[in-house]
Amino acid sequence: MNDVALRSGLISDFFGELYNYREYLLQSVMRDLRNKYKRSILGYLWTMFHPLAMMGVLSIVFSHMMRVPIHDYAIFLFAGLLPWNFFNSTALMSLHSIRSNARLFGQIPVPKYIFVLSITFSNWANYVFALVPLLVLCLLFGRSIPLTVLAYPIVVLPLIFVTLGVSFVLAACNVFFDDTLHLSEVGLSMLYFLTPVLYARDMLPPNLVHFLVLNPLFNQIEFLRNIFYDGVLPNPETFAINFVLSFMIFAAGLAFFRRFEDRFLYFI
């Protein structure tokens, strides 16, 4: 009971501080976006061109050379690649979020996890921008844009929770262990192939699927792909279970981060 009360207090404090520091967080996200593209001629268009380029290469390899039997594979791939890129880039960038902002700890009285939130929300903004070419691609392939895309703000929430939970843990661990970066790169590379970005569930043996669904990203990628590619909403019961599990990952990651944040200054 005490642990549950402590965890609930931690969550309520988090959302309270998120509201109190909303202006700082907004300015931080806008600064991250401006700094990322300020010396680029194409600017924010790179958020669209980069995943399009990856989609083009992978689509040629898998749909033409390896003959993957999926209709409109480019759209199928793109719809799965975008949420993976969001998770992957956020997790890797969060590794350096504490070390790179250490000089601000004594200057700006904000929670330390705000730096992880800034990275997460700026990458989510990039994800949203990249949805534009996905919808254009649907039209170019002669597909209508399904009304299910309107559910995106809700369907994406479990992915955001998982991403935050993992990012909190990686950001904290990287303060104490330099090997965290190398282990994360290897782990994320392995996770990529255990996540249905390149393939569909029904292409796999059922026994293997029972194992792969333990990956917290497995259903999240499918949910988001389905609303764009298949025009199908997630099963309410399955979505509810994944929402709860994703929130638990977020809460566990936040608790881990808060437990060790007072020691950060001694190791940076």
Protein backbone atom coordinates (compact mmCIF):
# COMPACT_ATOMS: atom_id res chain seq x y z
CA MET A 1 0.00 0.00 0.00
CA ASN A 2 2.81 2.41 0.87
CA ASP A 3 4.52 1.67 -2.44
CA VAL A 4 1.29 2.33 -4.35
CA ALA A 5 0.74 5.58 -2.49
CA LEU A 6 4.31 6.65 -3.12
CA ARG A 7 4.02 5.83 -6.82
CA SER A 8 0.71 7.69 -7.15
CA GLY A 9 2.22 10.71 -5.40
CA LEU A 10 5.17 10.59 -7.78
CA ILE A 11 2.85 10.57 -10.79
CA SER A 12 0.68 13.40 -9.49
CA ASP A 13 3.80 15.46 -8.74
CA PHE A 14 5.06 14.79 -12.25
CA PHE A 15 1.92 16.04 -13.97
CA GLY A 16 1.70 18.97 -11.57
CA GLU A 17 5.25 20.02 -12.39
CA LEU A 18 4.61 19.40 -16.07
CA TYR A 19 1.81 21.96 -15.90
CA ASN A 20 3.81 24.42 -13.79
CA TYR A 21 6.79 24.32 -16.15
CA ARG A 22 4.77 24.13 -19.37
CA GLU A 23 6.09 27.46 -20.63
CA TYR A 24 9.71 26.47 -20.09
CA LEU A 25 9.07 23.11 -21.72
CA LEU A 26 7.41 24.74 -24.73
CA GLN A 27 10.31 27.17 -25.16
CA SER A 28 12.79 24.32 -24.77
CA VAL A 29 11.06 22.25 -27.46
CA MET A 30 10.93 25.22 -29.83
CA ARG A 31 14.62 25.91 -29.18
CA ASP A 32 15.52 22.28 -29.91
CA LEU A 33 13.62 22.39 -33.20
CA ARG A 34 15.18 25.70 -34.24
CA ASN A 35 18.72 24.61 -33.34
CA LYS A 36 18.34 21.34 -35.22
CA TYR A 37 17.54 23.03 -38.54
CA LYS A 38 18.78 26.62 -38.23
CA ARG A 39 21.76 26.10 -40.59
CA SER A 40 19.83 23.88 -42.99
CA ILE A 41 18.53 25.17 -46.31
CA LEU A 42 15.57 22.80 -46.27
CA GLY A 43 14.94 23.25 -42.55
CA TYR A 44 11.89 21.40 -41.25
CA LEU A 45 11.44 19.65 -44.60
CA TRP A 46 14.20 17.29 -43.47
CA THR A 47 11.74 15.84 -40.95
CA MET A 48 9.80 14.65 -44.00
CA PHE A 49 12.62 13.83 -46.42
CA HIS A 50 14.72 11.74 -44.05
CA PRO A 51 12.06 9.08 -43.25
CA LEU A 52 10.94 9.20 -46.89
CA ALA A 53 14.48 8.37 -48.02
CA MET A 54 14.72 5.48 -45.57
CA MET A 55 11.32 4.24 -46.65
CA GLY A 56 12.33 4.42 -50.31
CA VAL A 57 15.47 2.34 -49.84
CA LEU A 58 13.86 -0.25 -47.57
CA SER A 59 10.81 -0.47 -49.80
CA ILE A 60 12.93 -1.22 -52.87
CA VAL A 61 14.92 -3.85 -51.02
CA PHE A 62 12.01 -5.67 -49.42
CA SER A 63 9.18 -5.24 -51.92
CA HIS A 64 11.14 -5.63 -55.15
CA MET A 65 14.29 -7.57 -54.29
CA MET A 66 12.99 -9.78 -51.48
CA ARG A 67 9.38 -9.84 -52.76
CA VAL A 68 7.58 -9.18 -49.48
CA PRO A 69 3.91 -10.08 -50.17
CA ILE A 70 2.35 -6.91 -48.74
CA HIS A 71 0.14 -4.65 -50.84
CA ASP A 72 1.40 -1.03 -51.03
CA TYR A 73 4.43 -2.01 -49.01
CA ALA A 74 5.84 1.53 -49.09
CA ILE A 75 2.87 2.82 -47.09
CA PHE A 76 2.93 -0.21 -44.79
CA LEU A 77 6.63 0.36 -44.11
CA PHE A 78 6.38 4.13 -43.70
CA ALA A 79 3.50 3.84 -41.21
CA GLY A 80 5.61 1.52 -39.04
CA LEU A 81 8.92 3.29 -39.54
CA LEU A 82 7.75 6.65 -38.20
CA PRO A 83 6.82 5.48 -34.68
CA TRP A 84 10.00 3.39 -34.51
CA ASN A 85 12.12 6.42 -35.49
CA PHE A 86 10.40 8.45 -32.78
CA PHE A 87 11.18 5.87 -30.11
CA ASN A 88 14.71 5.12 -31.29
CA SER A 89 15.85 8.73 -31.72
CA THR A 90 14.32 9.80 -28.40
CA ALA A 91 15.95 6.96 -26.48
CA LEU A 92 19.39 7.66 -27.97
CA MET A 93 19.19 11.43 -27.59
CA SER A 94 18.00 11.13 -23.99
CA LEU A 95 21.22 9.34 -23.08
CA HIS A 96 23.04 12.69 -23.16
CA SER A 97 20.20 14.85 -21.81
CA ILE A 98 21.56 15.07 -18.26
CA ARG A 99 25.26 15.39 -19.01
CA SER A 100 24.76 18.05 -21.69
CA ASN A 101 22.55 20.18 -19.42
CA ALA A 102 24.55 19.77 -16.20
CA ARG A 103 25.62 23.44 -16.20
CA LEU A 104 21.97 24.48 -15.99
CA PHE A 105 21.21 22.54 -12.80
CA GLY A 106 22.24 25.37 -10.51
CA GLN A 107 20.99 28.15 -12.78
CA ILE A 108 17.43 27.11 -13.65
CA PRO A 109 15.18 25.63 -10.93
CA VAL A 110 13.44 23.02 -13.10
CA PRO A 111 13.05 19.28 -12.56
CA LYS A 112 15.91 17.39 -14.18
CA TYR A 113 13.56 15.14 -16.13
CA ILE A 114 12.34 18.21 -18.02
CA PHE A 115 15.36 17.76 -20.32
CA VAL A 116 14.18 14.27 -21.25
CA LEU A 117 10.66 15.62 -21.81
CA SER A 118 12.01 18.34 -24.10
CA ILE A 119 13.73 15.77 -26.31
CA THR A 120 10.65 13.54 -26.32
CA PHE A 121 8.24 16.28 -27.33
CA SER A 122 10.55 17.78 -29.96
CA ASN A 123 10.92 14.33 -31.54
CA TRP A 124 7.18 13.82 -31.34
CA ALA A 125 6.76 17.13 -33.20
CA ASN A 126 9.07 15.73 -35.89
CA TYR A 127 6.90 12.59 -35.96
CA VAL A 128 3.78 14.69 -36.52
CA PHE A 129 5.46 16.67 -39.32
CA ALA A 130 6.46 13.40 -40.98
CA LEU A 131 2.83 12.27 -41.07
CA VAL A 132 2.24 14.78 -43.88
CA PRO A 133 4.25 12.85 -46.52
CA LEU A 134 2.66 9.62 -45.25
CA LEU A 135 -0.82 10.98 -46.01
CA VAL A 136 0.38 12.36 -49.36
CA LEU A 137 1.85 8.95 -50.16
CA CYS A 138 -1.53 7.35 -49.46
CA LEU A 139 -3.16 9.66 -51.99
CA LEU A 140 -0.41 9.02 -54.58
CA PHE A 141 -1.06 5.28 -54.27
CA GLY A 142 -4.75 5.87 -54.90
CA ARG A 143 -5.78 5.15 -51.34
CA SER A 144 -8.24 7.32 -49.43
CA ILE A 145 -7.13 8.73 -46.10
CA PRO A 146 -9.10 6.76 -43.49
CA LEU A 147 -11.07 8.56 -40.82
CA THR A 148 -9.26 6.45 -38.23
CA VAL A 149 -6.27 8.81 -38.48
CA LEU A 150 -8.30 11.19 -36.31
CA ALA A 151 -7.70 8.79 -33.43
CA TYR A 152 -3.94 9.35 -33.68
CA PRO A 153 -3.66 11.65 -30.59
CA ILE A 154 -5.11 8.85 -28.44
CA VAL A 155 -3.51 5.85 -30.14
CA VAL A 156 -0.04 7.39 -29.86
CA LEU A 157 -0.23 7.83 -26.08
CA PRO A 158 0.99 4.31 -25.12
CA LEU A 159 4.01 4.78 -27.40
CA ILE A 160 4.82 8.10 -25.73
CA PHE A 161 4.56 6.51 -22.28
CA VAL A 162 6.88 3.62 -23.24
CA THR A 163 9.33 6.03 -24.83
CA LEU A 164 9.41 8.24 -21.74
CA GLY A 165 9.85 5.30 -19.39
CA VAL A 166 12.78 3.87 -21.36
CA SER A 167 14.33 7.31 -21.87
CA PHE A 168 14.23 8.12 -18.15
CA VAL A 169 16.10 4.92 -17.35
CA LEU A 170 18.71 5.41 -20.07
CA ALA A 171 19.28 9.07 -19.15
CA ALA A 172 19.89 8.16 -15.52
CA CYS A 173 22.08 5.13 -16.26
CA ASN A 174 24.29 7.08 -18.66
CA VAL A 175 25.24 9.47 -15.85
CA PHE A 176 26.82 6.61 -13.88
CA PHE A 177 27.92 4.15 -16.59
CA ASP A 178 29.62 5.24 -19.81
CA ASP A 179 28.91 1.84 -21.34
CA THR A 180 25.19 2.66 -21.39
CA LEU A 181 25.54 4.29 -24.81
CA HIS A 182 27.15 1.25 -26.43
CA LEU A 183 24.76 -1.18 -24.76
CA SER A 184 21.79 0.94 -25.84
CA GLU A 185 22.92 1.05 -29.46
CA VAL A 186 23.26 -2.73 -29.54
CA GLY A 187 19.99 -3.28 -27.68
CA LEU A 188 18.01 -0.92 -29.93
CA SER A 189 19.44 -2.53 -33.04
CA MET A 190 18.23 -5.91 -31.81
CA LEU A 191 14.87 -4.49 -30.76
CA TYR A 192 14.35 -3.08 -34.26
CA PHE A 193 14.17 -6.58 -35.72
CA LEU A 194 11.92 -7.78 -32.90
CA THR A 195 9.44 -5.01 -33.70
CA PRO A 196 7.01 -5.28 -36.67
CA VAL A 197 8.44 -2.43 -38.71
CA LEU A 198 9.55 -4.43 -41.77
CA TYR A 199 7.04 -7.25 -41.50
CA ALA A 200 3.45 -8.01 -40.50
CA ARG A 201 2.30 -10.23 -37.66
CA ASP A 202 0.73 -12.80 -40.00
CA MET A 203 4.09 -13.38 -41.73
CA LEU A 204 5.45 -14.95 -38.55
CA PRO A 205 4.86 -18.35 -36.95
CA PRO A 206 2.19 -18.08 -34.21
CA ASN A 207 4.56 -19.47 -31.58
CA LEU A 208 7.07 -16.75 -32.37
CA VAL A 209 4.37 -14.06 -32.19
CA HIS A 210 3.50 -15.19 -28.64
CA PHE A 211 7.09 -14.37 -27.72
CA LEU A 212 7.45 -11.14 -29.70
CA VAL A 213 4.33 -9.51 -28.25
CA LEU A 214 6.23 -9.29 -24.96
CA ASN A 215 8.10 -6.47 -26.66
CA PRO A 216 6.21 -3.36 -25.42
CA LEU A 217 6.61 -1.74 -28.84
CA PHE A 218 5.08 -4.61 -30.78
CA ASN A 219 1.44 -3.65 -30.31
CA GLN A 220 2.16 0.08 -30.29
CA ILE A 221 3.63 -0.08 -33.79
CA GLU A 222 0.71 -2.19 -34.99
CA PHE A 223 -1.88 0.16 -33.49
CA LEU A 224 -0.39 3.19 -35.20
CA ARG A 225 0.16 1.42 -38.52
CA ASN A 226 -3.39 0.10 -38.57
CA ILE A 227 -5.05 3.50 -38.30
CA PHE A 228 -3.07 4.77 -41.32
CA TYR A 229 -2.63 1.66 -43.45
CA ASP A 230 -5.66 -0.52 -42.72
CA GLY A 231 -8.06 2.14 -41.48
CA VAL A 232 -8.77 0.01 -38.41
CA LEU A 233 -8.95 1.14 -34.80
CA PRO A 234 -7.26 -0.97 -32.10
CA ASN A 235 -9.34 -3.54 -30.31
CA PRO A 236 -10.58 -1.63 -27.20
CA GLU A 237 -9.65 -4.39 -24.76
CA THR A 238 -6.18 -4.90 -26.25
CA PHE A 239 -5.59 -1.16 -26.39
CA ALA A 240 -6.69 -0.72 -22.76
CA ILE A 241 -4.30 -3.45 -21.59
CA ASN A 242 -1.42 -1.93 -23.56
CA PHE A 243 -2.27 1.53 -22.28
CA VAL A 244 -2.06 0.34 -18.67
CA LEU A 245 1.17 -1.60 -19.26
CA SER A 246 2.72 1.37 -21.08
CA PHE A 247 1.77 3.69 -18.23
CA MET A 248 3.37 1.25 -15.78
CA ILE A 249 6.61 1.36 -17.81
CA PHE A 250 6.45 5.16 -17.72
CA ALA A 251 5.85 5.18 -13.96
CA ALA A 252 8.68 2.70 -13.31
CA GLY A 253 11.08 4.72 -15.46
CA LEU A 254 10.13 7.95 -13.71
CA ALA A 255 10.56 6.35 -10.27
CA PHE A 256 14.01 5.05 -11.29
CA PHE A 257 15.04 8.49 -12.52
CA ARG A 258 13.79 10.31 -9.41
CA ARG A 259 15.50 7.82 -7.12
CA PHE A 260 18.95 8.63 -8.48
CA GLU A 261 18.64 12.25 -9.66
CA ASP A 262 20.11 13.71 -6.44
CA ARG A 263 23.39 11.88 -7.18
CA PHE A 264 23.79 13.19 -10.73
CA LEU A 265 25.98 16.15 -9.76
CA TYR A 266 28.55 13.86 -8.13
CA PHE A 267 29.14 11.89 -11.33
CA ILE A 268 28.94 14.54 -14.06
